[in-house]
Each structure stands twice: as structure tokens, then as C-alpha cells.
Amino acid sequence: MVVLVAKGKTLRTALRKKADIAPSPAGIGASHPRALDIVLASLEDSKAENIVPIDIQGKSSLGDHMVIASGRSHRHVAAVADHLLKALKDAGFGNARVEGLSGADWVLIDSGDIIVHIFRPEVREFYNLEKMWQAPDLEEETLH
């Protein structure tokens, strides 16, 4: 039994036996090599523009890959995001989290090890995430 205390309240939670926890099917995690291919294919299919995959493995604990793309309008950004979410779900990667879909200026889809940003062009230009993430790594000597 685990006892958690939160703001003066005691919460009791029974631990599940390992046998009771159903393992996820093989290849379902977004770190599966096929996941990036599915993301890129979905963005191409929905006519996203300026698709830029960035390898952030070893640079960030956020994930292994970041993909940045643009849509031509609010409606196009929302449609690209919806298409990607459906493609991920159909392929078994259905646990993606979404932010910004209601405004559709900048939609962030976090599917685990792959983070997808879909922008309207002027919003993408303003934030310029590609420049930040593709900057060369600093050498150890320059840090001192």
C-alpha cells in the first residue's frame, strides 16, 4: 500500500501486482522507428508546407525528434493537425497530447518521443524554432 499526502489529505492507493498490469503491445511507443515515417507521411498527405524534421536526441529530454511544419491558414493548420492525430491513432500511436487546436495559430502535438509543431507561416517566422534547435552544439572548451 502507498500512502500519499496532498495538502493535508491522505490518499491511499493499493499497488497493483506486476501481473495485473497489461503490457502495451510491441511497437506502440512513439519511439518506434515507424512513428517518424507516419508523422512525415501524414504531413505530406495533408499538404503541410516547409516540413522540417529535427533530430533532438541527446540534445533534449523532451524527445528524440521534433517536426516543424506550416499550414496556409487557421483552417489548414487545424486540418493538418486532425489528419496527423487520425494517422497516429490508426497506426496504434493514439496517446498523443494536443495543445492549441482551438486557435490553430500554433498546434503542438506531443506523441511521446516525437513532438510536432504546426504553425501559420507568420507565427512560425516569429518563433523561429528551427534556428533554436538546429544551432550547433557548443564545444566543451567554449563553456569555460
C-alpha atoms as a PDB file:
ATOM      1  CA  MET A   1       0.000   0.000   0.000  1.00  0.00           C
ATOM      2  CA  VAL A   2       1.250   3.501  -0.868  1.00  0.00           C
ATOM      3  CA  VAL A   3       0.178   6.472   1.222  1.00  0.00           C
ATOM      4  CA  LEU A   4       0.313   9.908  -0.386  1.00  0.00           C
ATOM      5  CA  VAL A   5      -0.275  13.157   1.468  1.00  0.00           C
ATOM      6  CA  ALA A   6      -1.516  16.153  -0.535  1.00  0.00           C
ATOM      7  CA  LYS A   7      -2.394  19.432   1.216  1.00  0.00           C
ATOM      8  CA  GLY A   8      -3.327  17.754   4.487  1.00  0.00           C
ATOM      9  CA  LYS A   9      -5.357  14.962   2.903  1.00  0.00           C
ATOM     10  CA  THR A  10      -4.195  11.382   2.970  1.00  0.00           C
ATOM     11  CA  LEU A  11      -4.725   9.389  -0.184  1.00  0.00           C
ATOM     12  CA  ARG A  12      -4.336   5.632  -0.097  1.00  0.00           C
ATOM     13  CA  THR A  13      -3.612   3.719  -3.244  1.00  0.00           C
ATOM     14  CA  ALA A  14      -3.097  -0.001  -3.469  1.00  0.00           C
ATOM     15  CA  LEU A  15      -0.198  -1.102  -5.609  1.00  0.00           C
ATOM     16  CA  ARG A  16      -1.065  -3.386  -8.465  1.00  0.00           C
ATOM     17  CA  LYS A  17       0.826  -6.598  -8.859  1.00  0.00           C
ATOM     18  CA  LYS A  18       3.024  -6.639 -11.926  1.00  0.00           C
ATOM     19  CA  ALA A  19       0.936  -9.483 -13.335  1.00  0.00           C
ATOM     20  CA  ASP A  20      -2.177  -7.289 -13.199  1.00  0.00           C
ATOM     21  CA  ILE A  21      -0.651  -4.574 -15.366  1.00  0.00           C
ATOM     22  CA  ALA A  22      -1.207  -5.287 -19.027  1.00  0.00           C
ATOM     23  CA  PRO A  23       1.912  -4.652 -21.086  1.00  0.00           C
ATOM     24  CA  SER A  24       1.498  -2.386 -24.068  1.00  0.00           C
ATOM     25  CA  PRO A  25       1.663  -4.152 -27.433  1.00  0.00           C
ATOM     26  CA  ALA A  26       5.057  -4.232 -29.118  1.00  0.00           C
ATOM     27  CA  GLY A  27       5.844  -1.172 -31.183  1.00  0.00           C
ATOM     28  CA  ILE A  28       3.159   1.044 -29.700  1.00  0.00           C
ATOM     29  CA  GLY A  29       5.522   3.604 -28.169  1.00  0.00           C
ATOM     30  CA  ALA A  30       6.182   6.726 -30.225  1.00  0.00           C
ATOM     31  CA  SER A  31       9.897   5.897 -30.117  1.00  0.00           C
ATOM     32  CA  HIS A  32       9.172   3.121 -32.613  1.00  0.00           C
ATOM     33  CA  PRO A  33      11.132   3.872 -35.827  1.00  0.00           C
ATOM     34  CA  ARG A  34       7.941   3.772 -37.898  1.00  0.00           C
ATOM     35  CA  ALA A  35       6.380   6.650 -35.938  1.00  0.00           C
ATOM     36  CA  LEU A  36       8.503   9.367 -37.568  1.00  0.00           C
ATOM     37  CA  ASP A  37       7.682   7.967 -41.018  1.00  0.00           C
ATOM     38  CA  ILE A  38       3.967   8.076 -40.174  1.00  0.00           C
ATOM     39  CA  VAL A  39       4.235  11.689 -38.985  1.00  0.00           C
ATOM     40  CA  LEU A  40       6.110  12.816 -42.102  1.00  0.00           C
ATOM     41  CA  ALA A  41       3.771  10.927 -44.466  1.00  0.00           C
ATOM     42  CA  SER A  42       0.691  12.396 -42.787  1.00  0.00           C
ATOM     43  CA  LEU A  43       2.057  15.930 -43.047  1.00  0.00           C
ATOM     44  CA  GLU A  44       2.835  15.381 -46.742  1.00  0.00           C
ATOM     45  CA  ASP A  45      -0.627  13.893 -47.376  1.00  0.00           C
ATOM     46  CA  SER A  46      -2.357  16.881 -45.806  1.00  0.00           C
ATOM     47  CA  LYS A  47      -0.272  19.331 -47.867  1.00  0.00           C
ATOM     48  CA  ALA A  48       1.644  20.827 -44.943  1.00  0.00           C
ATOM     49  CA  GLU A  49       4.368  23.176 -46.133  1.00  0.00           C
ATOM     50  CA  ASN A  50       8.059  23.524 -45.251  1.00  0.00           C
ATOM     51  CA  ILE A  51       8.253  20.282 -43.264  1.00  0.00           C
ATOM     52  CA  VAL A  52      11.474  20.203 -41.239  1.00  0.00           C
ATOM     53  CA  PRO A  53      12.363  17.140 -39.133  1.00  0.00           C
ATOM     54  CA  ILE A  54      14.972  17.857 -36.449  1.00  0.00           C
ATOM     55  CA  ASP A  55      16.869  15.180 -34.543  1.00  0.00           C
ATOM     56  CA  ILE A  56      16.965  16.319 -30.903  1.00  0.00           C
ATOM     57  CA  GLN A  57      18.130  13.006 -29.496  1.00  0.00           C
ATOM     58  CA  GLY A  58      20.831  13.740 -26.938  1.00  0.00           C
ATOM     59  CA  LYS A  59      20.053  17.484 -27.030  1.00  0.00           C
ATOM     60  CA  SER A  60      16.848  17.351 -25.026  1.00  0.00           C
ATOM     61  CA  SER A  61      14.929  15.048 -22.748  1.00  0.00           C
ATOM     62  CA  LEU A  62      11.706  16.186 -24.454  1.00  0.00           C
ATOM     63  CA  GLY A  63      12.002  13.523 -27.120  1.00  0.00           C
ATOM     64  CA  ASP A  64      14.059  12.133 -29.971  1.00  0.00           C
ATOM     65  CA  HIS A  65      12.586  14.084 -32.881  1.00  0.00           C
ATOM     66  CA  MET A  66      10.890  17.392 -33.464  1.00  0.00           C
ATOM     67  CA  VAL A  67       8.993  18.113 -36.665  1.00  0.00           C
ATOM     68  CA  ILE A  68       8.055  21.640 -37.674  1.00  0.00           C
ATOM     69  CA  ALA A  69       5.565  22.347 -40.464  1.00  0.00           C
ATOM     70  CA  SER A  70       3.323  25.145 -41.701  1.00  0.00           C
ATOM     71  CA  GLY A  71      -0.277  25.410 -42.790  1.00  0.00           C
ATOM     72  CA  ARG A  72      -1.568  28.176 -45.061  1.00  0.00           C
ATOM     73  CA  SER A  73      -4.388  29.338 -42.765  1.00  0.00           C
ATOM     74  CA  HIS A  74      -6.048  28.648 -39.410  1.00  0.00           C
ATOM     75  CA  ARG A  75      -8.317  26.122 -41.087  1.00  0.00           C
ATOM     76  CA  HIS A  76      -5.414  24.392 -42.856  1.00  0.00           C
ATOM     77  CA  VAL A  77      -3.355  24.184 -39.633  1.00  0.00           C
ATOM     78  CA  ALA A  78      -6.320  22.575 -37.835  1.00  0.00           C
ATOM     79  CA  ALA A  79      -6.926  20.152 -40.726  1.00  0.00           C
ATOM     80  CA  VAL A  80      -3.247  19.123 -40.824  1.00  0.00           C
ATOM     81  CA  ALA A  81      -3.306  18.514 -37.054  1.00  0.00           C
ATOM     82  CA  ASP A  82      -6.547  16.493 -37.230  1.00  0.00           C
ATOM     83  CA  HIS A  83      -5.169  14.397 -40.101  1.00  0.00           C
ATOM     84  CA  LEU A  84      -1.969  13.693 -38.143  1.00  0.00           C
ATOM     85  CA  LEU A  85      -3.864  12.721 -34.992  1.00  0.00           C
ATOM     86  CA  LYS A  86      -6.016  10.302 -37.000  1.00  0.00           C
ATOM     87  CA  ALA A  87      -2.948   8.796 -38.701  1.00  0.00           C
ATOM     88  CA  LEU A  88      -1.199   8.299 -35.355  1.00  0.00           C
ATOM     89  CA  LYS A  89      -4.300   6.713 -33.834  1.00  0.00           C
ATOM     90  CA  ASP A  90      -4.829   4.408 -36.830  1.00  0.00           C
ATOM     91  CA  ALA A  91      -1.193   3.261 -36.574  1.00  0.00           C
ATOM     92  CA  GLY A  92      -1.516   2.480 -32.858  1.00  0.00           C
ATOM     93  CA  PHE A  93       0.156   5.631 -31.515  1.00  0.00           C
ATOM     94  CA  GLY A  94      -3.110   7.073 -30.219  1.00  0.00           C
ATOM     95  CA  ASN A  95      -1.962   8.618 -26.943  1.00  0.00           C
ATOM     96  CA  ALA A  96      -0.772  11.949 -28.397  1.00  0.00           C
ATOM     97  CA  ARG A  97      -1.474  15.141 -26.469  1.00  0.00           C
ATOM     98  CA  VAL A  98      -2.560  18.284 -28.311  1.00  0.00           C
ATOM     99  CA  GLU A  99      -2.312  21.974 -27.461  1.00  0.00           C
ATOM    100  CA  GLY A 100      -3.511  24.974 -29.460  1.00  0.00           C
ATOM    101  CA  LEU A 101      -6.022  23.269 -31.748  1.00  0.00           C
ATOM    102  CA  SER A 102      -8.822  25.687 -30.888  1.00  0.00           C
ATOM    103  CA  GLY A 103      -6.837  28.760 -32.004  1.00  0.00           C
ATOM    104  CA  ALA A 104      -4.913  26.982 -34.784  1.00  0.00           C
ATOM    105  CA  ASP A 105      -2.102  29.548 -34.924  1.00  0.00           C
ATOM    106  CA  TRP A 106       0.361  27.070 -33.433  1.00  0.00           C
ATOM    107  CA  VAL A 107      -0.652  23.478 -32.741  1.00  0.00           C
ATOM    108  CA  LEU A 108       1.674  21.284 -30.710  1.00  0.00           C
ATOM    109  CA  ILE A 109       1.241  17.518 -30.857  1.00  0.00           C
ATOM    110  CA  ASP A 110       3.275  15.501 -28.356  1.00  0.00           C
ATOM    111  CA  SER A 111       3.279  11.829 -29.244  1.00  0.00           C
ATOM    112  CA  GLY A 112       5.987  10.826 -26.804  1.00  0.00           C
ATOM    113  CA  ASP A 113       9.392  10.851 -28.450  1.00  0.00           C
ATOM    114  CA  ILE A 114       8.153  12.915 -31.406  1.00  0.00           C
ATOM    115  CA  ILE A 115       6.984  16.494 -30.951  1.00  0.00           C
ATOM    116  CA  VAL A 116       5.202  18.138 -33.880  1.00  0.00           C
ATOM    117  CA  HIS A 117       4.698  21.888 -34.239  1.00  0.00           C
ATOM    118  CA  ILE A 118       2.273  23.086 -36.926  1.00  0.00           C
ATOM    119  CA  PHE A 119       2.281  26.852 -37.450  1.00  0.00           C
ATOM    120  CA  ARG A 120       0.720  29.501 -39.602  1.00  0.00           C
ATOM    121  CA  PRO A 121       3.673  30.952 -41.608  1.00  0.00           C
ATOM    122  CA  GLU A 122       3.864  34.306 -39.804  1.00  0.00           C
ATOM    123  CA  VAL A 123       3.743  32.644 -36.370  1.00  0.00           C
ATOM    124  CA  ARG A 124       6.452  30.196 -37.416  1.00  0.00           C
ATOM    125  CA  GLU A 125       8.641  33.039 -38.620  1.00  0.00           C
ATOM    126  CA  PHE A 126       8.169  34.905 -35.331  1.00  0.00           C
ATOM    127  CA  TYR A 127       9.172  31.977 -33.073  1.00  0.00           C
ATOM    128  CA  ASN A 128      11.813  30.544 -35.443  1.00  0.00           C
ATOM    129  CA  LEU A 129      12.155  27.212 -33.624  1.00  0.00           C
ATOM    130  CA  GLU A 130      14.326  25.767 -36.383  1.00  0.00           C
ATOM    131  CA  LYS A 131      17.077  28.252 -35.633  1.00  0.00           C
ATOM    132  CA  MET A 132      16.990  27.464 -31.925  1.00  0.00           C
ATOM    133  CA  TRP A 133      17.074  23.675 -32.316  1.00  0.00           C
ATOM    134  CA  GLN A 134      19.456  23.470 -35.259  1.00  0.00           C
ATOM    135  CA  ALA A 135      22.083  25.689 -33.647  1.00  0.00           C
ATOM    136  CA  PRO A 136      25.445  23.917 -33.462  1.00  0.00           C
ATOM    137  CA  ASP A 137      26.319  22.334 -30.144  1.00  0.00           C
ATOM    138  CA  LEU A 138      28.811  24.326 -28.106  1.00  0.00           C
ATOM    139  CA  GLU A 139      32.171  22.692 -27.622  1.00  0.00           C
ATOM    140  CA  GLU A 140      33.230  21.861 -24.081  1.00  0.00           C
ATOM    141  CA  GLU A 141      36.035  24.450 -24.293  1.00  0.00           C
ATOM    142  CA  THR A 142      33.663  27.337 -25.026  1.00  0.00           C
ATOM    143  CA  LEU A 143      31.665  26.701 -21.866  1.00  0.00           C
ATOM    144  CA  HIS A 144      34.556  27.707 -19.575  1.00  0.00           C
END
